[in-house]
Amino acid sequence: MSEFVRGYCLAVRSFLTNDSRPSLDASGLKLQEHLSLIEASLKRIAKKEAY
């Protein structure tokens, strides 16, 4: 489980820094898209765990 959480944390960190470089996209649209994908993934996993 800890590796699972670590993977998501690394993904979020990567998206926030755009691979160690600040994001240059206007209004953080790319960041919003990536965080939405992570949120959707976590919701799917939570739904599977509920069964």
PDB file of N, CA and C in Angstrom:
ATOM      1  N   MET A   1       0.823  -1.198   0.000  1.00  0.00           N
ATOM      2  CA  MET A   1       0.000   0.000   0.000  1.00  0.00           C
ATOM      3  C   MET A   1       0.863   1.257   0.000  1.00  0.00           C
ATOM      4  N   SER A   2       1.973   1.240   0.720  1.00  0.00           N
ATOM      5  CA  SER A   2       2.813   2.427   0.786  1.00  0.00           C
ATOM      6  C   SER A   2       3.417   2.760  -0.583  1.00  0.00           C
ATOM      7  N   GLU A   3       3.756   1.761  -1.378  1.00  0.00           N
ATOM      8  CA  GLU A   3       4.283   2.012  -2.716  1.00  0.00           C
ATOM      9  C   GLU A   3       3.207   2.635  -3.608  1.00  0.00           C
ATOM     10  N   PHE A   4       1.975   2.209  -3.409  1.00  0.00           N
ATOM     11  CA  PHE A   4       0.845   2.758  -4.150  1.00  0.00           C
ATOM     12  C   PHE A   4       0.705   4.251  -3.853  1.00  0.00           C
ATOM     13  N   VAL A   5       0.688   4.607  -2.584  1.00  0.00           N
ATOM     14  CA  VAL A   5       0.552   6.005  -2.168  1.00  0.00           C
ATOM     15  C   VAL A   5       1.763   6.811  -2.647  1.00  0.00           C
ATOM     16  N   ARG A   6       2.935   6.241  -2.512  1.00  0.00           N
ATOM     17  CA  ARG A   6       4.154   6.918  -2.952  1.00  0.00           C
ATOM     18  C   ARG A   6       4.084   7.241  -4.444  1.00  0.00           C
ATOM     19  N   GLY A   7       3.577   6.307  -5.236  1.00  0.00           N
ATOM     20  CA  GLY A   7       3.442   6.537  -6.666  1.00  0.00           C
ATOM     21  C   GLY A   7       2.544   7.720  -6.980  1.00  0.00           C
ATOM     22  N   TYR A   8       1.421   7.810  -6.283  1.00  0.00           N
ATOM     23  CA  TYR A   8       0.531   8.944  -6.495  1.00  0.00           C
ATOM     24  C   TYR A   8       1.179  10.241  -6.035  1.00  0.00           C
ATOM     25  N   CYS A   9       1.882  10.211  -4.934  1.00  0.00           N
ATOM     26  CA  CYS A   9       2.564  11.416  -4.447  1.00  0.00           C
ATOM     27  C   CYS A   9       3.618  11.889  -5.444  1.00  0.00           C
ATOM     28  N   LEU A  10       4.356  10.948  -6.014  1.00  0.00           N
ATOM     29  CA  LEU A  10       5.355  11.312  -7.014  1.00  0.00           C
ATOM     30  C   LEU A  10       4.700  11.909  -8.256  1.00  0.00           C
ATOM     31  N   ALA A  11       3.563  11.367  -8.645  1.00  0.00           N
ATOM     32  CA  ALA A  11       2.851  11.902  -9.812  1.00  0.00           C
ATOM     33  C   ALA A  11       2.388  13.327  -9.553  1.00  0.00           C
ATOM     34  N   VAL A  12       1.824  13.568  -8.383  1.00  0.00           N
ATOM     35  CA  VAL A  12       1.354  14.921  -8.047  1.00  0.00           C
ATOM     36  C   VAL A  12       2.532  15.888  -8.009  1.00  0.00           C
ATOM     37  N   ARG A  13       3.634  15.481  -7.393  1.00  0.00           N
ATOM     38  CA  ARG A  13       4.809  16.347  -7.325  1.00  0.00           C
ATOM     39  C   ARG A  13       5.316  16.666  -8.732  1.00  0.00           C
ATOM     40  N   SER A  14       5.335  15.658  -9.583  1.00  0.00           N
ATOM     41  CA  SER A  14       5.791  15.864 -10.951  1.00  0.00           C
ATOM     42  C   SER A  14       4.892  16.853 -11.684  1.00  0.00           C
ATOM     43  N   PHE A  15       3.586  16.717 -11.505  1.00  0.00           N
ATOM     44  CA  PHE A  15       2.648  17.618 -12.166  1.00  0.00           C
ATOM     45  C   PHE A  15       2.771  19.039 -11.634  1.00  0.00           C
ATOM     46  N   LEU A  16       2.997  19.178 -10.319  1.00  0.00           N
ATOM     47  CA  LEU A  16       3.108  20.509  -9.725  1.00  0.00           C
ATOM     48  C   LEU A  16       4.357  21.239 -10.200  1.00  0.00           C
ATOM     49  N   THR A  17       5.407  20.513 -10.421  1.00  0.00           N
ATOM     50  CA  THR A  17       6.663  21.142 -10.819  1.00  0.00           C
ATOM     51  C   THR A  17       6.956  20.965 -12.302  1.00  0.00           C
ATOM     52  N   ASN A  18       6.098  20.265 -13.014  1.00  0.00           N
ATOM     53  CA  ASN A  18       6.310  19.992 -14.440  1.00  0.00           C
ATOM     54  C   ASN A  18       7.705  19.396 -14.632  1.00  0.00           C
ATOM     55  N   ASP A  19       7.941  18.299 -13.940  1.00  0.00           N
ATOM     56  CA  ASP A  19       9.230  17.615 -13.990  1.00  0.00           C
ATOM     57  C   ASP A  19      10.380  18.531 -13.576  1.00  0.00           C
ATOM     58  N   SER A  20      10.225  19.123 -12.411  1.00  0.00           N
ATOM     59  CA  SER A  20      11.230  19.980 -11.773  1.00  0.00           C
ATOM     60  C   SER A  20      11.333  21.375 -12.373  1.00  0.00           C
ATOM     61  N   ARG A  21      10.430  21.714 -13.263  1.00  0.00           N
ATOM     62  CA  ARG A  21      10.387  23.065 -13.816  1.00  0.00           C
ATOM     63  C   ARG A  21       8.990  23.628 -13.574  1.00  0.00           C
ATOM     64  N   PRO A  22       8.890  24.872 -13.126  1.00  0.00           N
ATOM     65  CA  PRO A  22       7.553  25.455 -12.909  1.00  0.00           C
ATOM     66  C   PRO A  22       6.723  25.423 -14.183  1.00  0.00           C
ATOM     67  N   SER A  23       5.455  25.151 -14.025  1.00  0.00           N
ATOM     68  CA  SER A  23       4.549  25.095 -15.176  1.00  0.00           C
ATOM     69  C   SER A  23       4.407  26.469 -15.806  1.00  0.00           C
ATOM     70  N   LEU A  24       4.437  26.512 -17.118  1.00  0.00           N
ATOM     71  CA  LEU A  24       4.296  27.773 -17.844  1.00  0.00           C
ATOM     72  C   LEU A  24       2.939  27.899 -18.527  1.00  0.00           C
ATOM     73  N   ASP A  25       2.081  26.909 -18.370  1.00  0.00           N
ATOM     74  CA  ASP A  25       0.769  26.968 -18.996  1.00  0.00           C
ATOM     75  C   ASP A  25      -0.109  28.019 -18.329  1.00  0.00           C
ATOM     76  N   ALA A  26      -0.835  28.746 -19.155  1.00  0.00           N
ATOM     77  CA  ALA A  26      -1.732  29.785 -18.656  1.00  0.00           C
ATOM     78  C   ALA A  26      -2.767  29.203 -17.708  1.00  0.00           C
ATOM     79  N   SER A  27      -2.911  29.829 -16.579  1.00  0.00           N
ATOM     80  CA  SER A  27      -3.929  29.481 -15.570  1.00  0.00           C
ATOM     81  C   SER A  27      -3.830  28.050 -15.057  1.00  0.00           C
ATOM     82  N   GLY A  28      -2.720  27.404 -15.275  1.00  0.00           N
ATOM     83  CA  GLY A  28      -2.541  26.056 -14.758  1.00  0.00           C
ATOM     84  C   GLY A  28      -3.478  25.029 -15.373  1.00  0.00           C
ATOM     85  N   LEU A  29      -3.863  25.224 -16.615  1.00  0.00           N
ATOM     86  CA  LEU A  29      -4.812  24.305 -17.252  1.00  0.00           C
ATOM     87  C   LEU A  29      -4.255  22.887 -17.359  1.00  0.00           C
ATOM     88  N   LYS A  30      -2.986  22.772 -17.671  1.00  0.00           N
ATOM     89  CA  LYS A  30      -2.371  21.450 -17.767  1.00  0.00           C
ATOM     90  C   LYS A  30      -2.336  20.788 -16.389  1.00  0.00           C
ATOM     91  N   LEU A  31      -2.009  21.570 -15.364  1.00  0.00           N
ATOM     92  CA  LEU A  31      -1.995  21.048 -13.998  1.00  0.00           C
ATOM     93  C   LEU A  31      -3.388  20.570 -13.611  1.00  0.00           C
ATOM     94  N   GLN A  32      -4.402  21.347 -13.920  1.00  0.00           N
ATOM     95  CA  GLN A  32      -5.782  20.963 -13.605  1.00  0.00           C
ATOM     96  C   GLN A  32      -6.150  19.658 -14.287  1.00  0.00           C
ATOM     97  N   GLU A  33      -5.745  19.505 -15.540  1.00  0.00           N
ATOM     98  CA  GLU A  33      -6.045  18.276 -16.276  1.00  0.00           C
ATOM     99  C   GLU A  33      -5.384  17.067 -15.605  1.00  0.00           C
ATOM    100  N   HIS A  34      -4.119  17.211 -15.258  1.00  0.00           N
ATOM    101  CA  HIS A  34      -3.404  16.103 -14.618  1.00  0.00           C
ATOM    102  C   HIS A  34      -3.991  15.750 -13.255  1.00  0.00           C
ATOM    103  N   LEU A  35      -4.302  16.767 -12.457  1.00  0.00           N
ATOM    104  CA  LEU A  35      -4.887  16.494 -11.137  1.00  0.00           C
ATOM    105  C   LEU A  35      -6.269  15.861 -11.266  1.00  0.00           C
ATOM    106  N   SER A  36      -7.011  16.224 -12.290  1.00  0.00           N
ATOM    107  CA  SER A  36      -8.323  15.603 -12.532  1.00  0.00           C
ATOM    108  C   SER A  36      -8.162  14.127 -12.879  1.00  0.00           C
ATOM    109  N   LEU A  37      -7.133  13.798 -13.640  1.00  0.00           N
ATOM    110  CA  LEU A  37      -6.867  12.394 -13.976  1.00  0.00           C
ATOM    111  C   LEU A  37      -6.516  11.588 -12.722  1.00  0.00           C
ATOM    112  N   ILE A  38      -5.726  12.173 -11.846  1.00  0.00           N
ATOM    113  CA  ILE A  38      -5.376  11.493 -10.596  1.00  0.00           C
ATOM    114  C   ILE A  38      -6.616  11.308  -9.738  1.00  0.00           C
ATOM    115  N   GLU A  39      -7.436  12.340  -9.640  1.00  0.00           N
ATOM    116  CA  GLU A  39      -8.672  12.246  -8.858  1.00  0.00           C
ATOM    117  C   GLU A  39      -9.566  11.131  -9.388  1.00  0.00           C
ATOM    118  N   ALA A  40      -9.722  11.053 -10.694  1.00  0.00           N
ATOM    119  CA  ALA A  40     -10.558  10.017 -11.294  1.00  0.00           C
ATOM    120  C   ALA A  40      -9.990   8.634 -11.002  1.00  0.00           C
ATOM    121  N   SER A  41      -8.687   8.505 -11.067  1.00  0.00           N
ATOM    122  CA  SER A  41      -8.044   7.227 -10.775  1.00  0.00           C
ATOM    123  C   SER A  41      -8.288   6.814  -9.329  1.00  0.00           C
ATOM    124  N   LEU A  42      -8.128   7.757  -8.406  1.00  0.00           N
ATOM    125  CA  LEU A  42      -8.351   7.452  -6.986  1.00  0.00           C
ATOM    126  C   LEU A  42      -9.814   7.074  -6.722  1.00  0.00           C
ATOM    127  N   LYS A  43     -10.734   7.720  -7.402  1.00  0.00           N
ATOM    128  CA  LYS A  43     -12.153   7.383  -7.239  1.00  0.00           C
ATOM    129  C   LYS A  43     -12.441   5.970  -7.748  1.00  0.00           C
ATOM    130  N   ARG A  44     -11.824   5.590  -8.876  1.00  0.00           N
ATOM    131  CA  ARG A  44     -12.014   4.229  -9.396  1.00  0.00           C
ATOM    132  C   ARG A  44     -11.473   3.194  -8.411  1.00  0.00           C
ATOM    133  N   ILE A  45     -10.330   3.478  -7.836  1.00  0.00           N
ATOM    134  CA  ILE A  45      -9.730   2.551  -6.874  1.00  0.00           C
ATOM    135  C   ILE A  45     -10.599   2.451  -5.627  1.00  0.00           C
ATOM    136  N   ALA A  46     -11.097   3.577  -5.147  1.00  0.00           N
ATOM    137  CA  ALA A  46     -11.955   3.564  -3.964  1.00  0.00           C
ATOM    138  C   ALA A  46     -13.234   2.779  -4.230  1.00  0.00           C
ATOM    139  N   LYS A  47     -13.768   2.903  -5.427  1.00  0.00           N
ATOM    140  CA  LYS A  47     -14.975   2.179  -5.785  1.00  0.00           C
ATOM    141  C   LYS A  47     -14.704   0.678  -5.797  1.00  0.00           C
ATOM    142  N   LYS A  48     -13.553   0.269  -6.337  1.00  0.00           N
ATOM    143  CA  LYS A  48     -13.183  -1.152  -6.358  1.00  0.00           C
ATOM    144  C   LYS A  48     -13.001  -1.683  -4.941  1.00  0.00           C
ATOM    145  N   GLU A  49     -12.399  -0.873  -4.070  1.00  0.00           N
ATOM    146  CA  GLU A  49     -12.164  -1.287  -2.688  1.00  0.00           C
ATOM    147  C   GLU A  49     -13.471  -1.452  -1.908  1.00  0.00           C
ATOM    148  N   ALA A  50     -14.504  -0.731  -2.322  1.00  0.00           N
ATOM    149  CA  ALA A  50     -15.791  -0.786  -1.629  1.00  0.00           C
ATOM    150  C   ALA A  50     -16.485  -2.131  -1.850  1.00  0.00           C
ATOM    151  N   TYR A  51     -16.125  -2.827  -2.927  1.00  0.00           N
ATOM    152  CA  TYR A  51     -16.782  -4.098  -3.243  1.00  0.00           C
ATOM    153  C   TYR A  51     -16.103  -5.245  -2.563  1.00  0.00           C
TER     154      TYR A  51
END
